[in-house]
Amino acid sequence: MVAVTKPTYTAVFEMDHTGWWYVSVPELPGCHSQGRTLARARERIREAVALWLDVDEQAFDLAEDVRLPEEARQVAADARAAREHAHQAQQDALATTKAAARTLARGGRLGVRDVAELLGMSHQRVAELLADQPERRPA
């Protein structure tokens, strides 16, 4: 069976002077749309491309090129990077907390309530963390 790759078109989003998003597809001259929000413009350009090509909306992919002033683009990128950093820190904290709970409960032979007090969390959450990590027994 041969894998069929969908064609990808570029949707260029630009805000006009009225605050509406104007979106065009350079590969399809004359194919454009607009929307009051990015989401609405995204929906409408997908519909426009499908009509232009006379295909189903799922028959192609759209690569988005949202054009913003440099300052706006930079602050948006900074915010996304900060959120990704926070997400990774949260994942790291969860892994560390699970390992600490397991070590204290099993290796330290402490009860769930004592582990919870030491870790500054509820005993219910500690029980959940311990349930997520089944004890491994030597083979």
C-alpha atoms as a PDB file:
ATOM      1  CA  MET A   1       0.000   0.000   0.000  1.00  0.00           C
ATOM      2  CA  VAL A   2       1.395   3.393  -1.011  1.00  0.00           C
ATOM      3  CA  ALA A   3       1.095   6.196   1.506  1.00  0.00           C
ATOM      4  CA  VAL A   4      -0.628   9.186  -0.012  1.00  0.00           C
ATOM      5  CA  THR A   5       0.650  12.525   1.208  1.00  0.00           C
ATOM      6  CA  LYS A   6      -1.740  15.437   1.310  1.00  0.00           C
ATOM      7  CA  PRO A   7      -0.705  18.639  -0.392  1.00  0.00           C
ATOM      8  CA  THR A   8       0.131  21.518   1.926  1.00  0.00           C
ATOM      9  CA  TYR A   9      -0.778  25.098   1.180  1.00  0.00           C
ATOM     10  CA  THR A  10       0.374  28.200   3.033  1.00  0.00           C
ATOM     11  CA  ALA A  11      -2.282  30.397   4.631  1.00  0.00           C
ATOM     12  CA  VAL A  12      -0.929  33.913   5.183  1.00  0.00           C
ATOM     13  CA  PHE A  13      -2.842  35.790   7.897  1.00  0.00           C
ATOM     14  CA  GLU A  14      -2.576  39.590   8.123  1.00  0.00           C
ATOM     15  CA  MET A  15      -4.682  41.975  10.170  1.00  0.00           C
ATOM     16  CA  ASP A  16      -6.130  44.856   8.197  1.00  0.00           C
ATOM     17  CA  HIS A  17      -6.741  48.417   9.420  1.00  0.00           C
ATOM     18  CA  THR A  18     -10.266  47.508  10.637  1.00  0.00           C
ATOM     19  CA  GLY A  19      -9.022  44.716  12.905  1.00  0.00           C
ATOM     20  CA  TRP A  20     -10.183  41.848  10.692  1.00  0.00           C
ATOM     21  CA  TRP A  21      -7.852  39.053   9.663  1.00  0.00           C
ATOM     22  CA  TYR A  22      -7.327  38.839   5.933  1.00  0.00           C
ATOM     23  CA  VAL A  23      -5.985  35.464   4.806  1.00  0.00           C
ATOM     24  CA  SER A  24      -4.670  34.428   1.416  1.00  0.00           C
ATOM     25  CA  VAL A  25      -3.057  31.359  -0.108  1.00  0.00           C
ATOM     26  CA  PRO A  26      -0.102  32.333  -2.336  1.00  0.00           C
ATOM     27  CA  GLU A  27      -0.107  28.959  -4.106  1.00  0.00           C
ATOM     28  CA  LEU A  28      -3.709  29.600  -5.189  1.00  0.00           C
ATOM     29  CA  PRO A  29      -3.829  33.186  -6.507  1.00  0.00           C
ATOM     30  CA  GLY A  30      -7.246  34.687  -5.869  1.00  0.00           C
ATOM     31  CA  CYS A  31      -8.087  32.288  -3.050  1.00  0.00           C
ATOM     32  CA  HIS A  32      -8.614  34.368   0.068  1.00  0.00           C
ATOM     33  CA  SER A  33     -10.995  34.948   2.933  1.00  0.00           C
ATOM     34  CA  GLN A  34     -11.302  36.894   6.160  1.00  0.00           C
ATOM     35  CA  GLY A  35     -12.524  36.631   9.719  1.00  0.00           C
ATOM     36  CA  ARG A  36     -12.933  38.758  12.807  1.00  0.00           C
ATOM     37  CA  THR A  37     -10.810  36.269  14.765  1.00  0.00           C
ATOM     38  CA  LEU A  38      -7.946  33.990  13.804  1.00  0.00           C
ATOM     39  CA  ALA A  39     -10.143  30.960  14.473  1.00  0.00           C
ATOM     40  CA  ARG A  40     -12.886  32.237  12.185  1.00  0.00           C
ATOM     41  CA  ALA A  41     -10.401  33.211   9.457  1.00  0.00           C
ATOM     42  CA  ARG A  42      -8.827  29.743   9.766  1.00  0.00           C
ATOM     43  CA  GLU A  43     -12.231  28.059   9.286  1.00  0.00           C
ATOM     44  CA  ARG A  44     -13.105  30.251   6.354  1.00  0.00           C
ATOM     45  CA  ILE A  45      -9.834  29.827   4.476  1.00  0.00           C
ATOM     46  CA  ARG A  46     -10.090  26.057   4.837  1.00  0.00           C
ATOM     47  CA  GLU A  47     -13.576  26.256   3.303  1.00  0.00           C
ATOM     48  CA  ALA A  48     -12.304  28.575   0.558  1.00  0.00           C
ATOM     49  CA  VAL A  49      -9.409  26.285  -0.377  1.00  0.00           C
ATOM     50  CA  ALA A  50     -11.704  23.248  -0.456  1.00  0.00           C
ATOM     51  CA  LEU A  51     -14.109  25.082  -2.765  1.00  0.00           C
ATOM     52  CA  TRP A  52     -11.254  26.423  -4.904  1.00  0.00           C
ATOM     53  CA  LEU A  53      -9.829  22.934  -5.389  1.00  0.00           C
ATOM     54  CA  ASP A  54     -13.235  21.186  -5.373  1.00  0.00           C
ATOM     55  CA  VAL A  55     -12.081  18.718  -2.705  1.00  0.00           C
ATOM     56  CA  ASP A  56     -13.016  17.788   0.847  1.00  0.00           C
ATOM     57  CA  GLU A  57     -11.635  20.054   3.586  1.00  0.00           C
ATOM     58  CA  GLN A  58      -9.576  17.129   4.932  1.00  0.00           C
ATOM     59  CA  ALA A  59      -7.844  16.515   1.582  1.00  0.00           C
ATOM     60  CA  PHE A  60      -5.086  19.058   2.240  1.00  0.00           C
ATOM     61  CA  ASP A  61      -3.078  20.633   5.036  1.00  0.00           C
ATOM     62  CA  LEU A  62      -2.605  24.313   5.752  1.00  0.00           C
ATOM     63  CA  ALA A  63       0.658  25.733   7.040  1.00  0.00           C
ATOM     64  CA  GLU A  64      -0.077  28.974   8.844  1.00  0.00           C
ATOM     65  CA  ASP A  65       1.987  32.121   8.478  1.00  0.00           C
ATOM     66  CA  VAL A  66       0.528  34.660  10.912  1.00  0.00           C
ATOM     67  CA  ARG A  67       2.085  38.031  10.204  1.00  0.00           C
ATOM     68  CA  LEU A  68       2.427  40.259  13.245  1.00  0.00           C
ATOM     69  CA  PRO A  69       4.458  43.346  14.038  1.00  0.00           C
ATOM     70  CA  GLU A  70       7.879  42.311  15.396  1.00  0.00           C
ATOM     71  CA  GLU A  71       7.120  43.321  18.989  1.00  0.00           C
ATOM     72  CA  ALA A  72       3.846  41.366  19.032  1.00  0.00           C
ATOM     73  CA  ARG A  73       5.493  38.340  17.436  1.00  0.00           C
ATOM     74  CA  GLN A  74       8.291  38.426  20.022  1.00  0.00           C
ATOM     75  CA  VAL A  75       6.047  38.736  23.077  1.00  0.00           C
ATOM     76  CA  ALA A  76       3.862  35.896  21.798  1.00  0.00           C
ATOM     77  CA  ALA A  77       6.944  33.713  21.270  1.00  0.00           C
ATOM     78  CA  ASP A  78       8.264  34.633  24.727  1.00  0.00           C
ATOM     79  CA  ALA A  79       4.933  33.743  26.339  1.00  0.00           C
ATOM     80  CA  ARG A  80       4.809  30.384  24.556  1.00  0.00           C
ATOM     81  CA  ALA A  81       8.391  29.621  25.625  1.00  0.00           C
ATOM     82  CA  ALA A  82       7.600  30.543  29.238  1.00  0.00           C
ATOM     83  CA  ARG A  83       4.520  28.309  29.220  1.00  0.00           C
ATOM     84  CA  GLU A  84       6.542  25.419  27.783  1.00  0.00           C
ATOM     85  CA  HIS A  85       9.224  25.962  30.435  1.00  0.00           C
ATOM     86  CA  ALA A  86       6.543  25.975  33.165  1.00  0.00           C
ATOM     87  CA  HIS A  87       4.994  22.796  31.750  1.00  0.00           C
ATOM     88  CA  GLN A  88       8.367  21.048  31.753  1.00  0.00           C
ATOM     89  CA  ALA A  89       9.076  22.228  35.311  1.00  0.00           C
ATOM     90  CA  GLN A  90       5.692  20.877  36.374  1.00  0.00           C
ATOM     91  CA  GLN A  91       6.465  17.496  34.772  1.00  0.00           C
ATOM     92  CA  ASP A  92       9.857  17.422  36.502  1.00  0.00           C
ATOM     93  CA  ALA A  93       8.275  18.329  39.863  1.00  0.00           C
ATOM     94  CA  LEU A  94       5.710  15.554  39.461  1.00  0.00           C
ATOM     95  CA  ALA A  95       8.385  12.966  38.687  1.00  0.00           C
ATOM     96  CA  THR A  96      10.480  14.110  41.659  1.00  0.00           C
ATOM     97  CA  THR A  97       7.461  14.075  43.961  1.00  0.00           C
ATOM     98  CA  LYS A  98       6.460  10.572  42.852  1.00  0.00           C
ATOM     99  CA  ALA A  99       9.982   9.303  43.468  1.00  0.00           C
ATOM    100  CA  ALA A 100      10.106  10.983  46.879  1.00  0.00           C
ATOM    101  CA  ALA A 101       6.729   9.545  47.898  1.00  0.00           C
ATOM    102  CA  ARG A 102       7.780   6.079  46.798  1.00  0.00           C
ATOM    103  CA  THR A 103      11.107   6.326  48.635  1.00  0.00           C
ATOM    104  CA  LEU A 104       9.537   7.634  51.836  1.00  0.00           C
ATOM    105  CA  ALA A 105       6.656   5.153  51.823  1.00  0.00           C
ATOM    106  CA  ARG A 106       8.504   2.048  50.793  1.00  0.00           C
ATOM    107  CA  GLY A 107      12.139   2.667  51.648  1.00  0.00           C
ATOM    108  CA  GLY A 108      11.423   4.826  54.676  1.00  0.00           C
ATOM    109  CA  ARG A 109       8.446   2.700  55.728  1.00  0.00           C
ATOM    110  CA  LEU A 110       6.346   5.746  56.425  1.00  0.00           C
ATOM    111  CA  GLY A 111       2.571   5.860  56.281  1.00  0.00           C
ATOM    112  CA  VAL A 112       0.747   7.817  53.619  1.00  0.00           C
ATOM    113  CA  ARG A 113      -0.231  10.576  56.069  1.00  0.00           C
ATOM    114  CA  ASP A 114       3.367  11.033  57.220  1.00  0.00           C
ATOM    115  CA  VAL A 115       4.600  11.127  53.634  1.00  0.00           C
ATOM    116  CA  ALA A 116       1.914  13.715  52.846  1.00  0.00           C
ATOM    117  CA  GLU A 117       2.965  15.897  55.761  1.00  0.00           C
ATOM    118  CA  LEU A 118       6.623  15.712  54.793  1.00  0.00           C
ATOM    119  CA  LEU A 119       5.873  16.590  51.167  1.00  0.00           C
ATOM    120  CA  GLY A 120       3.321  19.292  51.983  1.00  0.00           C
ATOM    121  CA  MET A 121       0.401  17.693  50.191  1.00  0.00           C
ATOM    122  CA  SER A 122      -2.802  15.812  50.963  1.00  0.00           C
ATOM    123  CA  HIS A 123      -2.706  12.168  51.918  1.00  0.00           C
ATOM    124  CA  GLN A 124      -5.203  11.497  49.108  1.00  0.00           C
ATOM    125  CA  ARG A 125      -2.782  12.886  46.539  1.00  0.00           C
ATOM    126  CA  VAL A 126       0.084  10.844  47.978  1.00  0.00           C
ATOM    127  CA  ALA A 127      -2.094   7.723  47.722  1.00  0.00           C
ATOM    128  CA  GLU A 128      -2.778   8.573  44.056  1.00  0.00           C
ATOM    129  CA  LEU A 129       0.928   9.046  43.362  1.00  0.00           C
ATOM    130  CA  LEU A 130       1.800   5.752  44.993  1.00  0.00           C
ATOM    131  CA  ALA A 131      -0.965   3.965  43.080  1.00  0.00           C
ATOM    132  CA  ASP A 132       0.505   5.334  39.814  1.00  0.00           C
ATOM    133  CA  GLN A 133       3.832   3.646  40.593  1.00  0.00           C
ATOM    134  CA  PRO A 134       3.336  -0.052  41.356  1.00  0.00           C
ATOM    135  CA  GLU A 135       6.040  -1.526  43.503  1.00  0.00           C
ATOM    136  CA  ARG A 136       8.555  -3.525  41.500  1.00  0.00           C
ATOM    137  CA  ARG A 137       9.579  -6.797  42.982  1.00  0.00           C
ATOM    138  CA  PRO A 138      12.833  -8.527  42.105  1.00  0.00           C
ATOM    139  CA  ALA A 139      12.421 -11.354  39.606  1.00  0.00           C
END
